[in-house]
Amino acid sequence: MKKDELSIVEEPRQLNRSGSLCPAVKAADMIGDKWTLLIMRELLMGATRYHEFQRAMPRISPTILSKRLKQMGQDGLLIKKSVVGEKATEYRLTRCGRELAPLVNYMSKWGLRWARRRMKDEDLDVGTFMWDFHRTLNTDELPDGETVFSVTLSELHTNSKWWLVARGATVDLCLDDPGKEVDLYITGTLPALAQVWMGDTDISEASKAEDIILIGAAPLMRTASLWFPKSRYADVRPKRFVGDGDQ
């Protein structure tokens, strides 16, 4: 299984030097960076290993990831622990970090309500999206045993084919063909899949319009609205600013 090798290198985080004792300013020093928020999101969703952060955030460079993890440790958001019997380390949230869960959750909802119109197709990263897509597959609605999905992103020239292999509650994401019999083929553009995932349309409407094409086992096609991946915030609808015709 490969991962998207695209990385973005940024300058080290600069702490706020406003001289203010406002606790909100000090909190922004700790969590106001976009990579810090994304790492925090992954920690809250169960990631503990360095490679898991890399899979979920293929655009972050190893240098920036290492620096952010180190800084988050210094800020008391997480601790780094050795894994017994392995030459590996894990990152675990502290109480300080865990208390951020409601804030990260609310910021996500707030962003969908008020910043959604600033989200463009160019903000879509295939590696990041497919990581979110595969882990939101509703495995409770799949048949017992193993179910294999082949996903083709029709407008892409690279990283256009992915496989999801579901066994019980475990779902593996593959960029290389796992060599298994495919139960259902899913074909569509990245924006079309993102619209369904984000709740802008449902899979039945997208299938009817042929924006997304499903081919394979009839039971899976009939129940697509039940198992098809959706964001945990799919029910959050965007708001418009005053003057846009809605409030």
C-alpha atoms as a PDB file:
ATOM      1  CA  MET A   1       0.000   0.000   0.000  1.00  0.00           C
ATOM      2  CA  LYS A   2       1.411   3.367  -1.003  1.00  0.00           C
ATOM      3  CA  LYS A   3       0.635   6.835   0.204  1.00  0.00           C
ATOM      4  CA  ASP A   4       0.491  10.155  -1.555  1.00  0.00           C
ATOM      5  CA  GLU A   5       4.030  11.506  -1.543  1.00  0.00           C
ATOM      6  CA  LEU A   6       3.015  15.147  -1.969  1.00  0.00           C
ATOM      7  CA  SER A   7       4.324  17.240   0.946  1.00  0.00           C
ATOM      8  CA  ILE A   8       4.111  20.878   1.882  1.00  0.00           C
ATOM      9  CA  VAL A   9       6.976  22.410   3.852  1.00  0.00           C
ATOM     10  CA  GLU A  10       6.218  25.406   6.035  1.00  0.00           C
ATOM     11  CA  GLU A  11       8.170  27.666   8.327  1.00  0.00           C
ATOM     12  CA  PRO A  12       8.301  26.721  12.014  1.00  0.00           C
ATOM     13  CA  ARG A  13       5.382  27.913  14.078  1.00  0.00           C
ATOM     14  CA  GLN A  14       5.827  31.387  15.554  1.00  0.00           C
ATOM     15  CA  LEU A  15       4.369  32.003  18.996  1.00  0.00           C
ATOM     16  CA  ASN A  16       2.209  35.074  19.532  1.00  0.00           C
ATOM     17  CA  ARG A  17       4.194  37.918  21.110  1.00  0.00           C
ATOM     18  CA  SER A  18       1.320  40.309  21.769  1.00  0.00           C
ATOM     19  CA  GLY A  19       2.188  40.764  25.418  1.00  0.00           C
ATOM     20  CA  SER A  20      -1.421  40.071  26.348  1.00  0.00           C
ATOM     21  CA  LEU A  21      -2.406  37.954  29.334  1.00  0.00           C
ATOM     22  CA  CYS A  22      -5.669  37.017  27.586  1.00  0.00           C
ATOM     23  CA  PRO A  23      -6.068  33.224  27.957  1.00  0.00           C
ATOM     24  CA  ALA A  24      -7.671  33.004  24.500  1.00  0.00           C
ATOM     25  CA  VAL A  25      -4.478  34.412  22.972  1.00  0.00           C
ATOM     26  CA  LYS A  26      -2.354  31.909  24.881  1.00  0.00           C
ATOM     27  CA  ALA A  27      -4.639  29.056  23.799  1.00  0.00           C
ATOM     28  CA  ALA A  28      -4.300  30.210  20.183  1.00  0.00           C
ATOM     29  CA  ASP A  29      -0.512  29.924  20.569  1.00  0.00           C
ATOM     30  CA  MET A  30      -0.953  26.246  21.375  1.00  0.00           C
ATOM     31  CA  ILE A  31      -3.636  25.170  18.905  1.00  0.00           C
ATOM     32  CA  GLY A  32      -4.012  27.971  16.355  1.00  0.00           C
ATOM     33  CA  ASP A  33      -1.841  26.290  13.721  1.00  0.00           C
ATOM     34  CA  LYS A  34      -3.670  24.251  11.044  1.00  0.00           C
ATOM     35  CA  TRP A  35      -1.321  21.272  11.318  1.00  0.00           C
ATOM     36  CA  THR A  36      -1.678  21.204  15.104  1.00  0.00           C
ATOM     37  CA  LEU A  37      -5.467  21.101  14.727  1.00  0.00           C
ATOM     38  CA  LEU A  38      -5.259  18.287  12.168  1.00  0.00           C
ATOM     39  CA  ILE A  39      -2.890  16.278  14.377  1.00  0.00           C
ATOM     40  CA  MET A  40      -5.233  16.862  17.314  1.00  0.00           C
ATOM     41  CA  ARG A  41      -8.162  15.638  15.217  1.00  0.00           C
ATOM     42  CA  GLU A  42      -6.294  12.444  14.359  1.00  0.00           C
ATOM     43  CA  LEU A  43      -5.338  11.858  17.996  1.00  0.00           C
ATOM     44  CA  LEU A  44      -8.968  12.293  19.031  1.00  0.00           C
ATOM     45  CA  MET A  45      -9.968   9.777  16.352  1.00  0.00           C
ATOM     46  CA  GLY A  46      -7.543   7.186  17.691  1.00  0.00           C
ATOM     47  CA  ALA A  47      -4.253   7.704  15.826  1.00  0.00           C
ATOM     48  CA  THR A  48      -1.167   7.033  17.960  1.00  0.00           C
ATOM     49  CA  ARG A  49       1.663   6.199  15.538  1.00  0.00           C
ATOM     50  CA  TYR A  50       3.740   8.520  13.355  1.00  0.00           C
ATOM     51  CA  HIS A  51       2.824   6.647  10.152  1.00  0.00           C
ATOM     52  CA  GLU A  52      -0.885   7.010  10.962  1.00  0.00           C
ATOM     53  CA  PHE A  53      -0.533  10.798  10.992  1.00  0.00           C
ATOM     54  CA  GLN A  54       1.320  10.608   7.680  1.00  0.00           C
ATOM     55  CA  ARG A  55      -1.421   8.491   6.085  1.00  0.00           C
ATOM     56  CA  ALA A  56      -4.141  10.862   7.282  1.00  0.00           C
ATOM     57  CA  MET A  57      -2.220  14.019   6.286  1.00  0.00           C
ATOM     58  CA  PRO A  58      -0.202  13.219   3.148  1.00  0.00           C
ATOM     59  CA  ARG A  59       0.490  16.911   2.476  1.00  0.00           C
ATOM     60  CA  ILE A  60       2.467  17.491   5.670  1.00  0.00           C
ATOM     61  CA  SER A  61       6.242  17.110   5.429  1.00  0.00           C
ATOM     62  CA  PRO A  62       8.010  14.778   7.884  1.00  0.00           C
ATOM     63  CA  THR A  63       9.944  17.778   9.220  1.00  0.00           C
ATOM     64  CA  ILE A  64       6.826  19.772  10.041  1.00  0.00           C
ATOM     65  CA  LEU A  65       5.046  16.735  11.485  1.00  0.00           C
ATOM     66  CA  SER A  66       7.959  15.981  13.796  1.00  0.00           C
ATOM     67  CA  LYS A  67       8.207  19.609  14.894  1.00  0.00           C
ATOM     68  CA  ARG A  68       4.492  19.867  15.610  1.00  0.00           C
ATOM     69  CA  LEU A  69       4.461  16.641  17.621  1.00  0.00           C
ATOM     70  CA  LYS A  70       7.462  17.840  19.617  1.00  0.00           C
ATOM     71  CA  GLN A  71       5.869  21.247  20.258  1.00  0.00           C
ATOM     72  CA  MET A  72       2.565  19.646  21.284  1.00  0.00           C
ATOM     73  CA  GLY A  73       4.506  17.575  23.793  1.00  0.00           C
ATOM     74  CA  GLN A  74       6.202  20.677  25.170  1.00  0.00           C
ATOM     75  CA  ASP A  75       2.816  22.400  25.421  1.00  0.00           C
ATOM     76  CA  GLY A  76       1.442  19.477  27.425  1.00  0.00           C
ATOM     77  CA  LEU A  77      -1.107  18.317  24.843  1.00  0.00           C
ATOM     78  CA  LEU A  78       0.415  14.851  24.413  1.00  0.00           C
ATOM     79  CA  ILE A  79       3.106  12.534  25.678  1.00  0.00           C
ATOM     80  CA  LYS A  80       5.466  10.310  23.702  1.00  0.00           C
ATOM     81  CA  LYS A  81       5.805   6.744  24.962  1.00  0.00           C
ATOM     82  CA  SER A  82       7.907   3.765  23.937  1.00  0.00           C
ATOM     83  CA  VAL A  83       6.013   0.644  22.913  1.00  0.00           C
ATOM     84  CA  VAL A  84       6.978  -2.354  25.054  1.00  0.00           C
ATOM     85  CA  GLY A  85       8.644  -5.046  22.966  1.00  0.00           C
ATOM     86  CA  GLU A  86       8.826  -2.875  19.838  1.00  0.00           C
ATOM     87  CA  LYS A  87      11.231  -0.339  18.387  1.00  0.00           C
ATOM     88  CA  ALA A  88       8.407   2.142  18.074  1.00  0.00           C
ATOM     89  CA  THR A  89       6.808   5.030  19.898  1.00  0.00           C
ATOM     90  CA  GLU A  90       3.234   6.159  20.432  1.00  0.00           C
ATOM     91  CA  TYR A  91       1.729   9.570  21.001  1.00  0.00           C
ATOM     92  CA  ARG A  92      -1.008   9.757  23.614  1.00  0.00           C
ATOM     93  CA  LEU A  93      -3.216  12.663  24.634  1.00  0.00           C
ATOM     94  CA  THR A  94      -2.876  14.107  28.113  1.00  0.00           C
ATOM     95  CA  ARG A  95      -5.828  15.381  30.108  1.00  0.00           C
ATOM     96  CA  CYS A  96      -5.011  18.803  28.676  1.00  0.00           C
ATOM     97  CA  GLY A  97      -5.276  17.427  25.144  1.00  0.00           C
ATOM     98  CA  ARG A  98      -8.444  15.415  25.818  1.00  0.00           C
ATOM     99  CA  GLU A  99     -10.232  18.511  27.062  1.00  0.00           C
ATOM    100  CA  LEU A 100      -9.862  19.997  23.584  1.00  0.00           C
ATOM    101  CA  ALA A 101     -12.236  17.407  22.087  1.00  0.00           C
ATOM    102  CA  PRO A 102     -15.412  19.546  22.439  1.00  0.00           C
ATOM    103  CA  LEU A 103     -13.584  22.571  21.029  1.00  0.00           C
ATOM    104  CA  VAL A 104     -12.278  20.717  17.957  1.00  0.00           C
ATOM    105  CA  ASN A 105     -15.739  19.234  17.418  1.00  0.00           C
ATOM    106  CA  TYR A 106     -17.447  22.616  17.667  1.00  0.00           C
ATOM    107  CA  MET A 107     -14.868  24.297  15.411  1.00  0.00           C
ATOM    108  CA  SER A 108     -15.591  21.666  12.755  1.00  0.00           C
ATOM    109  CA  LYS A 109     -19.324  22.318  12.968  1.00  0.00           C
ATOM    110  CA  TRP A 110     -18.800  26.080  13.009  1.00  0.00           C
ATOM    111  CA  GLY A 111     -16.540  25.867   9.960  1.00  0.00           C
ATOM    112  CA  LEU A 112     -19.130  23.898   8.008  1.00  0.00           C
ATOM    113  CA  ARG A 113     -21.853  26.392   8.890  1.00  0.00           C
ATOM    114  CA  TRP A 114     -19.975  29.607   8.229  1.00  0.00           C
ATOM    115  CA  ALA A 115     -16.865  28.868   6.156  1.00  0.00           C
ATOM    116  CA  ARG A 116     -18.277  26.273   3.787  1.00  0.00           C
ATOM    117  CA  ARG A 117     -18.503  28.616   0.819  1.00  0.00           C
ATOM    118  CA  ARG A 118     -14.739  29.130   1.097  1.00  0.00           C
ATOM    119  CA  MET A 119     -14.160  25.407   0.575  1.00  0.00           C
ATOM    120  CA  LYS A 120     -13.332  24.818  -3.082  1.00  0.00           C
ATOM    121  CA  ASP A 121     -12.610  21.775  -5.211  1.00  0.00           C
ATOM    122  CA  GLU A 122      -8.916  22.709  -5.136  1.00  0.00           C
ATOM    123  CA  ASP A 123      -8.980  22.188  -1.355  1.00  0.00           C
ATOM    124  CA  LEU A 124      -9.652  18.497  -1.968  1.00  0.00           C
ATOM    125  CA  ASP A 125      -6.596  16.311  -1.483  1.00  0.00           C
ATOM    126  CA  VAL A 126      -7.176  12.785  -2.738  1.00  0.00           C
ATOM    127  CA  GLY A 127      -5.034  11.114  -0.075  1.00  0.00           C
ATOM    128  CA  THR A 128      -6.632  12.979   2.818  1.00  0.00           C
ATOM    129  CA  PHE A 129     -10.123  12.485   1.431  1.00  0.00           C
ATOM    130  CA  MET A 130      -9.748   8.769   0.816  1.00  0.00           C
ATOM    131  CA  TRP A 131      -8.401   8.308   4.343  1.00  0.00           C
ATOM    132  CA  ASP A 132     -11.540   9.990   5.734  1.00  0.00           C
ATOM    133  CA  PHE A 133     -13.721   8.159   3.211  1.00  0.00           C
ATOM    134  CA  HIS A 134     -12.505   4.676   4.150  1.00  0.00           C
ATOM    135  CA  ARG A 135     -12.803   5.160   7.907  1.00  0.00           C
ATOM    136  CA  THR A 136     -16.392   6.391   7.690  1.00  0.00           C
ATOM    137  CA  LEU A 137     -17.646   3.322   5.821  1.00  0.00           C
ATOM    138  CA  ASN A 138     -20.658   2.072   7.816  1.00  0.00           C
ATOM    139  CA  THR A 139     -19.487  -1.493   8.324  1.00  0.00           C
ATOM    140  CA  ASP A 140     -22.542  -2.359  10.441  1.00  0.00           C
ATOM    141  CA  GLU A 141     -24.586  -2.389   7.232  1.00  0.00           C
ATOM    142  CA  LEU A 142     -22.241  -4.694   5.292  1.00  0.00           C
ATOM    143  CA  PRO A 143     -22.629  -8.469   4.965  1.00  0.00           C
ATOM    144  CA  ASP A 144     -20.682 -10.747   7.295  1.00  0.00           C
ATOM    145  CA  GLY A 145     -17.182 -11.697   6.216  1.00  0.00           C
ATOM    146  CA  GLU A 146     -15.020  -9.669   3.861  1.00  0.00           C
ATOM    147  CA  THR A 147     -16.315  -7.004   1.466  1.00  0.00           C
ATOM    148  CA  VAL A 148     -14.034  -5.443  -1.141  1.00  0.00           C
ATOM    149  CA  PHE A 149     -14.702  -2.124  -2.888  1.00  0.00           C
ATOM    150  CA  SER A 150     -12.791  -0.732  -5.860  1.00  0.00           C
ATOM    151  CA  VAL A 151     -12.957   3.078  -6.135  1.00  0.00           C
ATOM    152  CA  THR A 152     -11.999   4.835  -9.382  1.00  0.00           C
ATOM    153  CA  LEU A 153     -11.667   8.630  -9.425  1.00  0.00           C
ATOM    154  CA  SER A 154     -12.331   9.219 -13.079  1.00  0.00           C
ATOM    155  CA  GLU A 155     -10.802  12.680 -13.529  1.00  0.00           C
ATOM    156  CA  LEU A 156      -7.447  11.934 -11.895  1.00  0.00           C
ATOM    157  CA  HIS A 157      -4.324  10.756 -13.706  1.00  0.00           C
ATOM    158  CA  THR A 158      -2.419   9.701 -10.577  1.00  0.00           C
ATOM    159  CA  ASN A 159      -3.749   8.022  -7.430  1.00  0.00           C
ATOM    160  CA  SER A 160      -6.994   7.412  -9.279  1.00  0.00           C
ATOM    161  CA  LYS A 161      -7.642   3.821  -8.122  1.00  0.00           C
ATOM    162  CA  TRP A 162      -8.172   2.767  -4.516  1.00  0.00           C
ATOM    163  CA  TRP A 163      -9.451  -0.341  -2.770  1.00  0.00           C
ATOM    164  CA  LEU A 164     -11.349  -0.662   0.514  1.00  0.00           C
ATOM    165  CA  VAL A 165     -11.196  -4.047   2.205  1.00  0.00           C
ATOM    166  CA  ALA A 166     -13.723  -4.381   5.039  1.00  0.00           C
ATOM    167  CA  ARG A 167     -13.638  -7.211   7.570  1.00  0.00           C
ATOM    168  CA  GLY A 168     -16.027  -6.666  10.426  1.00  0.00           C
ATOM    169  CA  ALA A 169     -15.322  -3.224  11.889  1.00  0.00           C
ATOM    170  CA  THR A 170     -11.838  -3.067  10.295  1.00  0.00           C
ATOM    171  CA  VAL A 171     -11.395  -1.316   6.945  1.00  0.00           C
ATOM    172  CA  ASP A 172      -8.073  -1.263   5.092  1.00  0.00           C
ATOM    173  CA  LEU A 173      -7.320   1.380   2.462  1.00  0.00           C
ATOM    174  CA  CYS A 174      -5.094   0.266  -0.430  1.00  0.00           C
ATOM    175  CA  LEU A 175      -3.535   2.202  -3.284  1.00  0.00           C
ATOM    176  CA  ASP A 176      -2.200  -1.043  -4.758  1.00  0.00           C
ATOM    177  CA  ASP A 177      -4.535  -3.795  -5.935  1.00  0.00           C
ATOM    178  CA  PRO A 178      -4.816  -6.232  -2.981  1.00  0.00           C
ATOM    179  CA  GLY A 179      -5.534  -9.082  -5.397  1.00  0.00           C
ATOM    180  CA  LYS A 180      -8.965  -9.839  -3.958  1.00  0.00           C
ATOM    181  CA  GLU A 181     -12.290 -10.377  -5.693  1.00  0.00           C
ATOM    182  CA  VAL A 182     -14.114  -7.051  -5.850  1.00  0.00           C
ATOM    183  CA  ASP A 183     -17.704  -7.000  -4.596  1.00  0.00           C
ATOM    184  CA  LEU A 184     -18.567  -3.484  -5.758  1.00  0.00           C
ATOM    185  CA  TYR A 185     -16.994  -0.983  -8.154  1.00  0.00           C
ATOM    186  CA  ILE A 186     -17.483   2.722  -7.381  1.00  0.00           C
ATOM    187  CA  THR A 187     -16.676   5.224 -10.142  1.00  0.00           C
ATOM    188  CA  GLY A 188     -16.982   9.003 -10.000  1.00  0.00           C
ATOM    189  CA  THR A 189     -15.017  12.217  -9.737  1.00  0.00           C
ATOM    190  CA  LEU A 190     -13.403  13.258  -6.479  1.00  0.00           C
ATOM    191  CA  PRO A 191     -15.784  16.254  -6.076  1.00  0.00           C
ATOM    192  CA  ALA A 192     -18.803  13.988  -6.707  1.00  0.00           C
ATOM    193  CA  LEU A 193     -17.742  11.566  -3.972  1.00  0.00           C
ATOM    194  CA  ALA A 194     -16.975  14.483  -1.665  1.00  0.00           C
ATOM    195  CA  GLN A 195     -20.476  15.925  -2.169  1.00  0.00           C
ATOM    196  CA  VAL A 196     -22.074  12.680  -1.018  1.00  0.00           C
ATOM    197  CA  TRP A 197     -19.599  12.264   1.833  1.00  0.00           C
ATOM    198  CA  MET A 198     -20.273  15.793   3.089  1.00  0.00           C
ATOM    199  CA  GLY A 199     -24.046  15.393   2.870  1.00  0.00           C
ATOM    200  CA  ASP A 200     -24.644  17.836  -0.020  1.00  0.00           C
ATOM    201  CA  THR A 201     -26.431  15.049  -1.902  1.00  0.00           C
ATOM    202  CA  ASP A 202     -27.146  11.395  -1.236  1.00  0.00           C
ATOM    203  CA  ILE A 203     -25.811   8.388  -3.048  1.00  0.00           C
ATOM    204  CA  SER A 204     -29.164   7.507  -4.607  1.00  0.00           C
ATOM    205  CA  GLU A 205     -29.397  10.955  -6.254  1.00  0.00           C
ATOM    206  CA  ALA A 206     -25.768  10.820  -7.375  1.00  0.00           C
ATOM    207  CA  SER A 207     -26.312   7.344  -8.852  1.00  0.00           C
ATOM    208  CA  LYS A 208     -29.498   8.401 -10.645  1.00  0.00           C
ATOM    209  CA  ALA A 209     -27.658  11.364 -12.169  1.00  0.00           C
ATOM    210  CA  GLU A 210     -24.746   9.020 -13.030  1.00  0.00           C
ATOM    211  CA  ASP A 211     -22.351  11.290 -11.139  1.00  0.00           C
ATOM    212  CA  ILE A 212     -21.340   8.159  -9.252  1.00  0.00           C
ATOM    213  CA  ILE A 213     -21.684   4.719 -10.840  1.00  0.00           C
ATOM    214  CA  LEU A 214     -22.046   1.575  -8.734  1.00  0.00           C
ATOM    215  CA  ILE A 215     -21.528  -1.830 -10.367  1.00  0.00           C
ATOM    216  CA  GLY A 216     -21.416  -5.135  -8.531  1.00  0.00           C
ATOM    217  CA  ALA A 217     -23.321  -7.195  -5.999  1.00  0.00           C
ATOM    218  CA  ALA A 218     -27.025  -6.335  -6.107  1.00  0.00           C
ATOM    219  CA  PRO A 219     -27.498  -6.364  -2.284  1.00  0.00           C
ATOM    220  CA  LEU A 220     -24.732  -3.791  -1.896  1.00  0.00           C
ATOM    221  CA  MET A 221     -26.184  -1.596  -4.617  1.00  0.00           C
ATOM    222  CA  ARG A 222     -29.659  -1.726  -3.037  1.00  0.00           C
ATOM    223  CA  THR A 223     -28.357  -0.781   0.410  1.00  0.00           C
ATOM    224  CA  ALA A 224     -25.804   1.849  -0.667  1.00  0.00           C
ATOM    225  CA  SER A 225     -27.610   4.627   1.218  1.00  0.00           C
ATOM    226  CA  LEU A 226     -26.991   2.688   4.443  1.00  0.00           C
ATOM    227  CA  TRP A 227     -23.286   1.779   4.145  1.00  0.00           C
ATOM    228  CA  PHE A 228     -21.903   4.504   1.863  1.00  0.00           C
ATOM    229  CA  PRO A 229     -19.300   6.604   3.750  1.00  0.00           C
ATOM    230  CA  LYS A 230     -20.478   9.895   5.233  1.00  0.00           C
ATOM    231  CA  SER A 231     -18.761  12.540   7.282  1.00  0.00           C
ATOM    232  CA  ARG A 232     -19.740  12.639  10.954  1.00  0.00           C
ATOM    233  CA  TYR A 233     -20.775  16.232  10.173  1.00  0.00           C
ATOM    234  CA  ALA A 234     -22.866  15.397   7.096  1.00  0.00           C
ATOM    235  CA  ASP A 235     -26.001  16.656   8.838  1.00  0.00           C
ATOM    236  CA  VAL A 236     -24.475  20.100   9.489  1.00  0.00           C
ATOM    237  CA  ARG A 237     -25.771  22.475   6.842  1.00  0.00           C
ATOM    238  CA  PRO A 238     -23.970  25.683   5.799  1.00  0.00           C
ATOM    239  CA  LYS A 239     -25.367  29.112   6.675  1.00  0.00           C
ATOM    240  CA  ARG A 240     -25.233  32.250   4.593  1.00  0.00           C
ATOM    241  CA  PHE A 241     -24.149  35.671   5.696  1.00  0.00           C
ATOM    242  CA  VAL A 242     -26.731  38.424   6.195  1.00  0.00           C
ATOM    243  CA  GLY A 243     -27.369  39.932   2.792  1.00  0.00           C
ATOM    244  CA  ASP A 244     -26.968  36.608   0.978  1.00  0.00           C
ATOM    245  CA  GLY A 245     -30.698  35.955   1.215  1.00  0.00           C
ATOM    246  CA  ASP A 246     -30.513  33.812   4.361  1.00  0.00           C
ATOM    247  CA  GLN A 247     -29.401  34.130   7.959  1.00  0.00           C
END
